[in-house]
Amino acid sequence: MWELNRVSHLKTNNMNALKNKVQLIGNLGNAPEIKNTDNGKKLARFSIATNETYHNTKGEKVTETTWHNLVAWGKLADLAEKYLQKGTEVVVEGKLINKSYNDKEGNKKYITEVQVNELLLLGNKQKARG
């Protein structure tokens, strides 16, 4: 019983720092879309694809691709604009942001994005923090 409580306590302390943290490695689907907001901040929107490979019940190799929407602000947006292009392989770290909006027909739509706070270009050895 004491061991279980000790392990639970250790996990709780460590997990508090990781409540909303995402790390992804993938390739850009397109060059980032860059916008300057009304208050003068730069915003970069881009998406990356991550791939997972496994063998199905028939022993066949299957690769599943998942697309992730990302948003970077300020200096990271500057770097995204300067260095990122379609196909660039990146490592990103950030947090999940959930948003909702109403489409033209009035239907509620939901979107999940990763707000990037660290960006690493693979192969270029360049790292950026926001």
Protein backbone atom coordinates (compact mmCIF):
# COMPACT_ATOMS: atom_id res chain seq x y z
CA MET A 1 0.00 0.00 0.00
CA TRP A 2 2.80 2.41 0.89
CA GLU A 3 4.54 1.71 -2.45
CA LEU A 4 1.36 2.47 -4.37
CA ASN A 5 0.89 5.78 -2.55
CA ARG A 6 4.53 6.74 -3.11
CA VAL A 7 4.35 5.97 -6.85
CA SER A 8 1.06 7.83 -7.16
CA HIS A 9 2.55 10.85 -5.39
CA LEU A 10 5.60 10.85 -7.67
CA LYS A 11 3.45 10.64 -10.79
CA THR A 12 1.23 13.47 -9.61
CA ASN A 13 4.17 15.78 -8.96
CA ASN A 14 5.77 15.07 -12.33
CA MET A 15 2.51 15.15 -14.25
CA ASN A 16 1.60 18.65 -13.03
CA ALA A 17 4.34 20.05 -15.27
CA LEU A 18 2.95 18.12 -18.25
CA LYS A 19 -0.75 18.93 -18.06
CA ASN A 20 -0.98 20.24 -21.62
CA LYS A 21 2.17 19.45 -23.56
CA VAL A 22 2.46 18.12 -27.10
CA GLN A 23 5.58 17.01 -28.95
CA LEU A 24 5.39 16.08 -32.63
CA ILE A 25 7.82 15.19 -35.39
CA GLY A 26 6.48 15.56 -38.90
CA ASN A 27 6.65 17.15 -42.32
CA LEU A 28 4.93 20.35 -43.44
CA GLY A 29 2.08 19.90 -45.89
CA ASN A 30 2.51 23.42 -47.31
CA ALA A 31 4.45 26.60 -46.67
CA PRO A 32 3.16 28.46 -43.59
CA GLU A 33 0.35 30.98 -43.99
CA ILE A 34 1.60 34.25 -42.49
CA LYS A 35 -0.65 36.99 -41.12
CA ASN A 36 -0.06 40.20 -39.23
CA THR A 37 -2.76 40.88 -36.66
CA ASP A 38 -4.33 44.27 -36.05
CA ASN A 39 -2.23 44.70 -32.90
CA GLY A 40 1.00 44.13 -34.86
CA LYS A 41 1.73 40.51 -33.89
CA LYS A 42 2.83 38.05 -36.55
CA LEU A 43 1.01 34.72 -36.83
CA ALA A 44 2.06 31.63 -38.77
CA ARG A 45 -0.39 28.79 -39.47
CA PHE A 46 0.82 25.51 -40.90
CA SER A 47 0.12 21.81 -40.70
CA ILE A 48 2.37 18.82 -40.32
CA ALA A 49 1.82 15.15 -41.01
CA THR A 50 2.95 12.48 -38.57
CA ASN A 51 3.16 8.83 -39.57
CA GLU A 52 2.70 5.70 -37.49
CA THR A 53 3.53 2.31 -38.90
CA TYR A 54 2.29 -1.03 -37.60
CA HIS A 55 1.44 -4.53 -38.82
CA ASN A 56 -2.23 -5.45 -39.05
CA THR A 57 -3.71 -8.84 -38.15
CA LYS A 58 -2.78 -10.17 -41.61
CA GLY A 59 0.86 -9.19 -41.04
CA GLU A 60 0.68 -6.38 -43.60
CA LYS A 61 2.57 -3.18 -42.93
CA VAL A 62 0.18 -0.25 -42.51
CA THR A 63 1.14 3.42 -42.28
CA GLU A 64 -1.37 5.87 -40.82
CA THR A 65 -0.90 9.58 -41.45
CA THR A 66 -2.38 12.15 -39.08
CA TRP A 67 -2.48 15.88 -39.87
CA HIS A 68 -1.99 18.42 -37.10
CA ASN A 69 -2.84 22.14 -37.32
CA LEU A 70 -0.20 24.37 -35.77
CA VAL A 71 0.00 28.06 -34.94
CA ALA A 72 3.12 30.04 -34.04
CA TRP A 73 3.32 33.66 -32.86
CA GLY A 74 5.95 36.40 -32.82
CA LYS A 75 9.56 35.30 -33.26
CA LEU A 76 8.52 31.73 -34.02
CA ALA A 77 6.23 33.02 -36.76
CA ASP A 78 9.18 34.99 -38.18
CA LEU A 79 11.30 31.84 -38.22
CA ALA A 80 8.49 29.79 -39.74
CA GLU A 81 8.12 32.38 -42.51
CA LYS A 82 11.86 32.42 -43.17
CA TYR A 83 12.76 28.73 -42.96
CA LEU A 84 9.71 26.50 -43.34
CA GLN A 85 8.42 25.24 -46.65
CA LYS A 86 6.41 22.32 -47.93
CA GLY A 87 8.09 19.06 -46.93
CA THR A 88 10.32 20.52 -44.19
CA GLU A 89 10.75 18.03 -41.35
CA VAL A 90 10.29 19.65 -37.94
CA VAL A 91 10.03 18.85 -34.27
CA VAL A 92 7.49 21.00 -32.46
CA GLU A 93 6.57 21.36 -28.84
CA GLY A 94 3.54 23.23 -27.65
CA LYS A 95 0.11 22.94 -26.10
CA LEU A 96 -3.31 22.01 -27.40
CA ILE A 97 -5.78 24.80 -28.04
CA ASN A 98 -9.45 23.96 -28.66
CA LYS A 99 -11.64 26.46 -30.52
CA SER A 100 -15.15 26.53 -31.86
CA TYR A 101 -16.91 28.67 -34.45
CA ASN A 102 -20.12 28.75 -36.46
CA ASP A 103 -19.87 28.02 -40.18
CA LYS A 104 -21.85 29.83 -42.89
CA GLU A 105 -24.87 27.60 -42.26
CA GLY A 106 -24.76 28.31 -38.52
CA ASN A 107 -23.42 24.87 -37.58
CA LYS A 108 -20.97 24.78 -34.69
CA LYS A 109 -17.54 23.52 -35.76
CA TYR A 110 -14.63 22.56 -33.54
CA ILE A 111 -10.91 22.74 -34.23
CA THR A 112 -7.87 21.67 -32.25
CA GLU A 113 -4.52 23.35 -32.88
CA VAL A 114 -1.07 23.07 -31.38
CA GLN A 115 0.22 26.43 -30.18
CA VAL A 116 3.94 26.07 -30.84
CA ASN A 117 6.41 27.25 -28.21
CA GLU A 118 9.48 25.43 -29.53
CA LEU A 119 10.48 24.59 -33.08
CA LEU A 120 13.41 22.51 -34.29
CA LEU A 121 14.24 22.12 -37.97
CA LEU A 122 15.61 18.65 -38.55
CA GLY A 123 18.72 18.57 -40.69
CA ASN A 124 19.37 22.32 -40.25
CA LYS A 125 20.31 22.19 -36.54
CA GLN A 126 18.32 25.37 -35.89
CA LYS A 127 16.21 25.65 -32.77
CA ALA A 128 13.82 28.41 -31.79
CA ARG A 129 11.92 29.22 -28.62
CA GLY A 130 9.02 31.60 -28.26
